[in-house]
Protein backbone atom coordinates (compact mmCIF):
# COMPACT_ATOMS: atom_id res chain seq x y z
CA MET A 1 0.48 -8.07 22.75
CA LEU A 2 2.10 -5.11 24.50
CA TRP A 3 1.45 -6.75 27.87
CA ARG A 4 3.02 -9.97 26.64
CA ALA A 5 6.08 -8.07 25.39
CA ARG A 6 6.30 -6.16 28.71
CA PRO A 7 5.93 -2.38 28.33
CA SER A 8 9.14 -1.65 30.28
CA ALA A 9 11.17 -3.90 27.94
CA VAL A 10 9.61 -2.29 24.85
CA LEU A 11 10.42 1.17 26.21
CA ALA A 12 13.99 0.12 26.96
CA ALA A 13 14.43 -1.16 23.39
CA LEU A 14 13.18 2.17 21.99
CA VAL A 15 15.27 4.32 24.34
CA HIS A 16 18.49 2.48 23.44
CA ALA A 17 17.83 2.49 19.68
CA ASP A 18 20.57 3.68 17.34
CA TRP A 19 18.94 6.72 15.77
CA LYS A 20 21.40 6.86 12.86
CA TRP A 21 19.75 3.76 11.40
CA ILE A 22 16.32 5.22 12.03
CA ALA A 23 17.32 8.46 10.27
CA LEU A 24 18.39 6.37 7.26
CA ALA A 25 14.97 4.68 7.23
CA ILE A 26 13.28 8.11 7.26
CA ALA A 27 15.38 9.18 4.27
CA LEU A 28 14.23 6.09 2.38
CA VAL A 29 10.59 6.99 3.11
CA VAL A 30 11.01 10.16 1.04
CA VAL A 31 12.06 8.02 -1.93
CA ASP A 32 9.23 5.52 -1.60
CA ARG A 33 6.57 8.26 -1.30
CA ALA A 34 7.88 9.85 -4.49
CA LEU A 35 7.65 6.49 -6.27
CA MET A 36 4.11 5.93 -4.99
CA ALA A 37 3.00 9.31 -6.31
CA TYR A 38 4.68 8.57 -9.66
CA ARG A 39 2.78 5.26 -9.96
CA TRP A 40 -0.58 6.95 -9.67
CA ILE A 41 0.37 9.73 -12.09
CA VAL A 42 1.21 7.07 -14.70
CA LEU A 43 -2.13 5.33 -14.08
CA LEU A 44 -3.98 8.56 -14.83
CA GLY A 45 -2.63 8.44 -18.40
CA PRO A 46 -5.70 6.66 -19.88
CA ILE A 47 -7.97 9.50 -18.71
CA ASP A 48 -9.08 11.83 -21.51
CA PRO A 49 -6.60 14.77 -21.59
CA ALA A 50 -9.59 17.13 -21.72
CA THR A 51 -10.66 16.06 -18.23
CA ARG A 52 -7.30 15.04 -16.78
CA PRO A 53 -6.55 17.25 -13.73
CA PRO A 54 -3.41 19.44 -13.55
CA LEU A 55 -0.33 17.71 -12.14
CA GLY A 56 -0.21 19.97 -9.10
CA ASP A 57 -3.74 19.01 -8.06
CA VAL A 58 -3.00 15.32 -8.59
CA ILE A 59 0.09 15.48 -6.37
CA ARG A 60 -1.83 17.39 -3.69
CA ILE A 61 -4.66 14.83 -3.72
CA PHE A 62 -2.18 11.97 -3.39
CA PHE A 63 -0.32 13.36 -0.40
CA VAL A 64 -3.41 14.69 1.39
CA SER A 65 -5.11 11.30 0.98
CA THR A 66 -2.10 9.52 2.51
CA PHE A 67 -2.31 11.90 5.47
CA ALA A 68 -6.05 11.26 5.83
CA GLY A 69 -5.31 7.53 5.73
CA THR A 70 -3.40 7.92 9.00
CA PHE A 71 -6.75 8.26 10.76
CA LEU A 72 -8.79 5.81 8.66
CA PRO A 73 -8.92 2.02 8.28
CA THR A 74 -5.52 1.12 6.76
CA SER A 75 -5.01 1.86 3.06
CA ILE A 76 -8.71 1.55 2.20
CA GLY A 77 -9.52 4.88 3.83
CA ALA A 78 -6.80 6.70 1.91
CA ASP A 79 -7.97 5.09 -1.34
CA VAL A 80 -11.53 6.29 -0.79
CA VAL A 81 -10.34 9.84 -0.10
CA ARG A 82 -8.15 9.80 -3.20
CA ALA A 83 -10.86 8.48 -5.53
CA PHE A 84 -13.49 10.90 -4.19
CA SER A 85 -11.13 13.90 -4.41
CA LEU A 86 -10.22 13.02 -7.99
CA SER A 87 -13.88 12.73 -8.94
CA GLN A 88 -14.36 16.31 -7.70
CA LEU A 89 -12.02 17.47 -10.49
CA ARG A 90 -14.51 16.48 -13.19
CA VAL A 91 -13.03 13.01 -13.65
CA ALA A 92 -15.72 10.35 -14.14
CA PRO A 93 -16.25 8.44 -10.86
CA GLY A 94 -15.60 5.12 -12.60
CA GLN A 95 -12.26 6.33 -13.95
CA ALA A 96 -11.29 7.86 -10.60
CA VAL A 97 -11.99 4.63 -8.72
CA ALA A 98 -10.37 2.51 -11.45
CA SER A 99 -7.09 4.44 -11.23
CA VAL A 100 -6.96 3.90 -7.47
CA LEU A 101 -7.96 0.23 -7.73
CA MET A 102 -5.29 -0.46 -10.35
CA ASP A 103 -2.72 1.26 -8.15
CA ARG A 104 -3.80 -0.92 -5.23
CA LEU A 105 -3.93 -4.10 -7.33
CA LEU A 106 -0.42 -3.62 -8.71
CA GLY A 107 0.79 -2.79 -5.21
CA VAL A 108 -0.67 -6.05 -3.91
CA VAL A 109 0.83 -7.98 -6.84
CA SER A 110 4.24 -6.50 -6.02
CA ILE A 111 3.84 -7.61 -2.39
CA LEU A 112 2.86 -11.05 -3.70
CA VAL A 113 6.01 -11.23 -5.83
CA MET A 114 8.13 -10.20 -2.88
CA GLY A 115 6.26 -12.72 -0.73
CA VAL A 116 7.11 -15.54 -3.14
CA VAL A 117 10.76 -14.48 -2.95
CA GLY A 118 10.40 -14.44 0.83
CA LEU A 119 8.89 -17.94 0.75
CA MET A 120 11.91 -19.27 -1.11
CA LEU A 121 14.23 -17.49 1.32
CA ALA A 122 12.32 -18.91 4.28
CA GLN A 123 12.79 -22.40 2.87
CA THR A 124 16.53 -21.97 2.45
CA GLN A 125 17.06 -20.19 5.75
CA ASP A 126 14.52 -22.18 7.83
CA LEU A 127 13.17 -18.89 9.15
CA ALA A 128 9.52 -19.76 9.72
CA SER A 129 6.73 -22.24 9.20
CA ILE A 130 6.29 -22.56 5.45
CA ARG A 131 2.52 -23.12 5.76
CA ALA A 132 2.19 -19.82 7.64
CA ILE A 133 3.66 -18.11 4.58
CA GLU A 134 2.01 -20.19 1.85
CA VAL A 135 -1.64 -19.70 2.93
CA PRO A 136 -1.78 -15.86 2.81
CA LEU A 137 0.22 -15.86 -0.44
CA PHE A 138 -2.19 -18.34 -2.03
CA VAL A 139 -5.26 -16.30 -1.03
CA THR A 140 -3.63 -13.10 -2.30
CA ALA A 141 -2.72 -14.79 -5.58
CA LEU A 142 -6.35 -15.88 -6.13
CA VAL A 143 -7.71 -12.38 -5.51
CA SER A 144 -5.07 -10.79 -7.74
CA ALA A 145 -5.72 -13.30 -10.52
CA ALA A 146 -9.45 -12.58 -10.41
CA ALA A 147 -8.86 -8.82 -10.61
CA GLY A 148 -6.30 -9.26 -13.37
CA ALA A 149 -8.77 -11.35 -15.36
CA VAL A 150 -11.22 -8.44 -15.44
CA VAL A 151 -8.47 -6.22 -16.89
CA PHE A 152 -7.13 -8.60 -19.53
CA SER A 153 -9.98 -11.02 -20.32
CA GLU A 154 -13.03 -10.00 -22.34
CA ALA A 155 -15.06 -12.86 -20.86
CA ALA A 156 -14.18 -11.95 -17.27
CA ALA A 157 -14.90 -8.28 -17.94
CA ALA A 158 -18.27 -9.15 -19.48
CA LEU A 159 -19.13 -11.30 -16.44
CA ALA A 160 -18.14 -8.48 -14.06
CA GLU A 161 -20.23 -5.99 -16.03
CA SER A 162 -23.25 -8.29 -16.05
CA ILE A 163 -22.98 -8.60 -12.26
CA ALA A 164 -22.71 -4.80 -11.97
CA LEU A 165 -25.87 -4.37 -14.06
CA ARG A 166 -27.82 -6.54 -11.61
CA MET A 167 -27.07 -4.37 -8.58
CA PRO A 168 -30.30 -3.05 -7.03
CA ILE A 169 -29.42 0.62 -6.47
CA ALA A 170 -29.26 2.69 -9.67
CA ALA A 171 -26.39 4.94 -8.58
CA VAL A 172 -24.30 1.98 -7.39
CA ARG A 173 -25.16 0.07 -10.58
CA ARG A 174 -24.00 3.00 -12.73
CA ILE A 175 -20.72 3.48 -10.85
CA ALA A 176 -20.01 -0.28 -10.82
CA THR A 177 -20.60 -0.50 -14.57
CA ASP A 178 -18.43 2.54 -15.28
CA LEU A 179 -15.75 1.13 -12.98
CA THR A 180 -15.69 -2.20 -14.80
CA ARG A 181 -15.35 -0.49 -18.19
CA ALA A 182 -12.70 1.94 -16.93
CA THR A 183 -10.70 -0.90 -15.38
CA ARG A 184 -10.95 -2.91 -18.61
CA ALA A 185 -9.49 0.06 -20.49
CA TYR A 186 -6.16 -0.50 -18.73
CA GLY A 187 -5.79 -3.77 -20.62
CA ARG A 188 -4.62 -1.74 -23.64
CA HIS A 189 -1.88 0.07 -21.70
CA HIS A 190 0.66 -2.69 -21.18
CA ALA A 191 3.67 -0.37 -21.02
CA ALA A 192 2.09 1.82 -18.35
CA LEU A 193 1.08 -1.20 -16.25
CA GLY A 194 4.57 -2.66 -16.54
CA ASN A 195 6.04 0.68 -15.53
CA VAL A 196 3.78 0.89 -12.47
CA LEU A 197 4.50 -2.71 -11.48
CA LEU A 198 8.25 -2.07 -11.56
CA GLY A 199 7.70 1.04 -9.45
CA SER A 200 5.60 -0.99 -7.02
CA LEU A 201 8.32 -3.62 -6.69
CA ALA A 202 10.81 -0.85 -5.94
CA VAL A 203 8.48 0.54 -3.25
CA GLN A 204 8.17 -2.86 -1.57
CA ALA A 205 11.92 -3.37 -1.68
CA LEU A 206 12.39 0.04 -0.07
CA ARG A 207 9.93 -0.86 2.70
CA ILE A 208 11.82 -4.05 3.40
CA VAL A 209 15.11 -2.15 3.62
CA GLN A 210 13.42 0.45 5.85
CA ALA A 211 12.35 -2.31 8.25
CA TYR A 212 15.87 -3.72 8.17
CA CYS A 213 17.30 -0.31 9.09
CA LEU A 214 14.84 -0.02 11.97
CA GLY A 215 15.78 -3.52 13.08
CA ARG A 216 19.47 -2.65 13.02
CA GLY A 217 18.66 0.42 15.08
CA LEU A 218 17.05 -1.88 17.67
CA ALA A 219 20.03 -4.28 17.58
CA ILE A 220 17.96 -7.12 16.08
CA ALA A 221 20.51 -9.63 14.83
CA LEU A 222 18.72 -10.90 11.73
CA PRO A 223 20.01 -10.86 8.15
CA LEU A 224 18.32 -8.84 5.41
CA LEU A 225 17.01 -12.15 3.98
CA ALA A 226 14.78 -12.57 7.03
CA TYR A 227 13.15 -9.20 6.36
CA PHE A 228 12.51 -10.19 2.73
CA ALA A 229 10.77 -13.30 4.10
CA PHE A 230 8.63 -11.56 6.72
CA ILE A 231 7.87 -7.95 5.73
CA PRO A 232 5.80 -8.70 2.57
CA LEU A 233 3.54 -10.93 4.64
CA ILE A 234 3.27 -8.34 7.39
CA LEU A 235 2.33 -5.74 4.76
CA LEU A 236 -0.48 -8.02 3.58
CA VAL A 237 -1.77 -8.20 7.16
CA MET A 238 -1.57 -4.41 7.43
CA LEU A 239 -3.75 -4.05 4.31
CA LEU A 240 -6.71 -5.66 6.09
CA PRO A 241 -9.28 -2.90 6.85
CA VAL A 242 -9.82 -3.98 10.46
CA SER A 243 -8.01 -1.22 12.35
CA ILE A 244 -6.91 2.39 12.10
CA ASN A 245 -3.62 2.73 10.19
CA GLY A 246 -2.87 -0.96 10.76
CA ILE A 247 -2.34 -0.44 14.51
CA GLY A 248 -2.94 -3.75 16.29
CA PRO A 249 -2.66 -6.26 13.44
CA SER A 250 0.82 -4.97 12.59
CA GLN A 251 2.01 -5.51 16.18
CA VAL A 252 0.62 -9.05 16.22
CA ALA A 253 2.20 -9.83 12.84
CA PHE A 254 5.63 -8.46 13.74
CA VAL A 255 5.76 -10.32 17.06
CA TRP A 256 4.47 -13.54 15.50
CA PHE A 257 6.76 -13.64 12.44
CA PHE A 258 9.91 -12.31 14.05
CA GLY A 259 9.27 -14.54 17.06
CA ARG A 260 9.60 -17.52 14.69
CA ALA A 261 13.17 -16.37 14.07
CA GLY A 262 13.97 -16.06 17.76
CA VAL A 263 13.59 -12.29 18.17
CA PRO A 264 12.36 -11.36 21.68
CA ASP A 265 8.80 -10.02 21.87
CA ALA A 266 9.94 -6.65 23.22
CA GLN A 267 12.23 -6.00 20.25
CA SER A 268 9.63 -7.24 17.74
CA PHE A 269 6.95 -5.03 19.29
CA ALA A 270 9.29 -2.02 19.30
CA LEU A 271 10.08 -2.69 15.64
CA SER A 272 6.36 -2.73 14.82
CA LEU A 273 5.88 0.63 16.56
CA LEU A 274 8.76 2.20 14.66
CA PHE A 275 7.48 0.77 11.35
CA VAL A 276 4.02 2.28 11.87
CA ALA A 277 5.58 5.56 13.05
CA LEU A 278 7.74 5.62 9.93
CA GLY A 279 4.61 5.50 7.78
CA ILE A 280 3.12 8.39 9.75
CA VAL A 281 6.28 10.42 9.16
CA GLY A 282 5.91 9.74 5.44
CA ASN A 283 2.32 11.01 5.60
CA LEU A 284 3.18 14.31 7.26
CA PRO A 285 3.80 16.25 3.99
CA GLY A 286 0.14 15.63 3.16
CA GLY A 287 -0.81 17.14 6.50
CA LEU A 288 1.15 20.28 5.67
CA LEU A 289 -0.53 20.53 2.28
CA TYR A 290 -3.92 20.07 3.92
CA ALA A 291 -3.19 22.70 6.59
CA PHE A 292 -1.61 25.37 4.42
CA GLY A 293 -2.92 24.63 0.92
CA SER A 294 -5.76 26.57 -0.59
CA GLY A 295 -7.93 23.46 -0.69
CA GLN A 296 -9.50 24.69 -3.95
CA PRO A 297 -9.02 22.31 -6.90
CA THR A 298 -8.12 23.81 -10.22
CA ASP A 299 -10.78 23.68 -12.91
CA PRO A 300 -9.14 21.69 -15.75
CA ARG A 301 -10.95 23.85 -18.33
CA LYS A 302 -9.09 26.96 -17.12
CA THR A 303 -5.71 25.37 -17.86
CA GLN A 304 -6.43 24.55 -21.47
């Protein structure tokens, strides 16, 4: 994709970027990272207060896991680090994984909502092939509906638990069963889930505006509506655990979608690089915590 976009043209687009717009995008990253941390803190509410970790440890785990995700397969790697680290603070593995899965599920649902908005905008603005937008949204909707059924439907939860009980390895069977029950427990916390969903929608809106700021910095002459049509779908592509930190698929997605709107490959590729780099900048606080923090989790029993 870089060869197709011509490396010299990509470099020229980056060199001549307006860094005031890029600085604004960086400032917005601070806000979206704070919202992401807040979402997970809310989702830890159902955990028994006797075993719930101190807030400082939770925040450290969140930011360190985002930093670790920079070097792991997309968001999946960061989620694994976060769930494992939380389980080391005497939180049941099922509850630890459930909190991360619910955070991811609501994040995907928020992208889906934004994608539906983008689909309507694409129809009115004739920005891209509608089928190219409908197919990934439909698949995402099916997966989200299945996960949501486990949370809110007794029958679906019972089916999921029966499948978990048939798993061959005892340890995996135990964790899968605990995970199903812990996930089902969120069905009683409607206010918390609504709160997290609103926070997730705000995060996705911020990411779209961040991409718009980067695009303005690269002199891409597209309206904000185009970014609302494309960025949610690009984010879905970046969630696929097929590369490190989304590098590769994100470049293909940016060039493909923005190319439908007439943006030259060099500018689209440069935008994809800046978007990935922006995420790395947002992960740097976790690197500082990892480098200079004590690394020793607090025993919840000593804070009671």
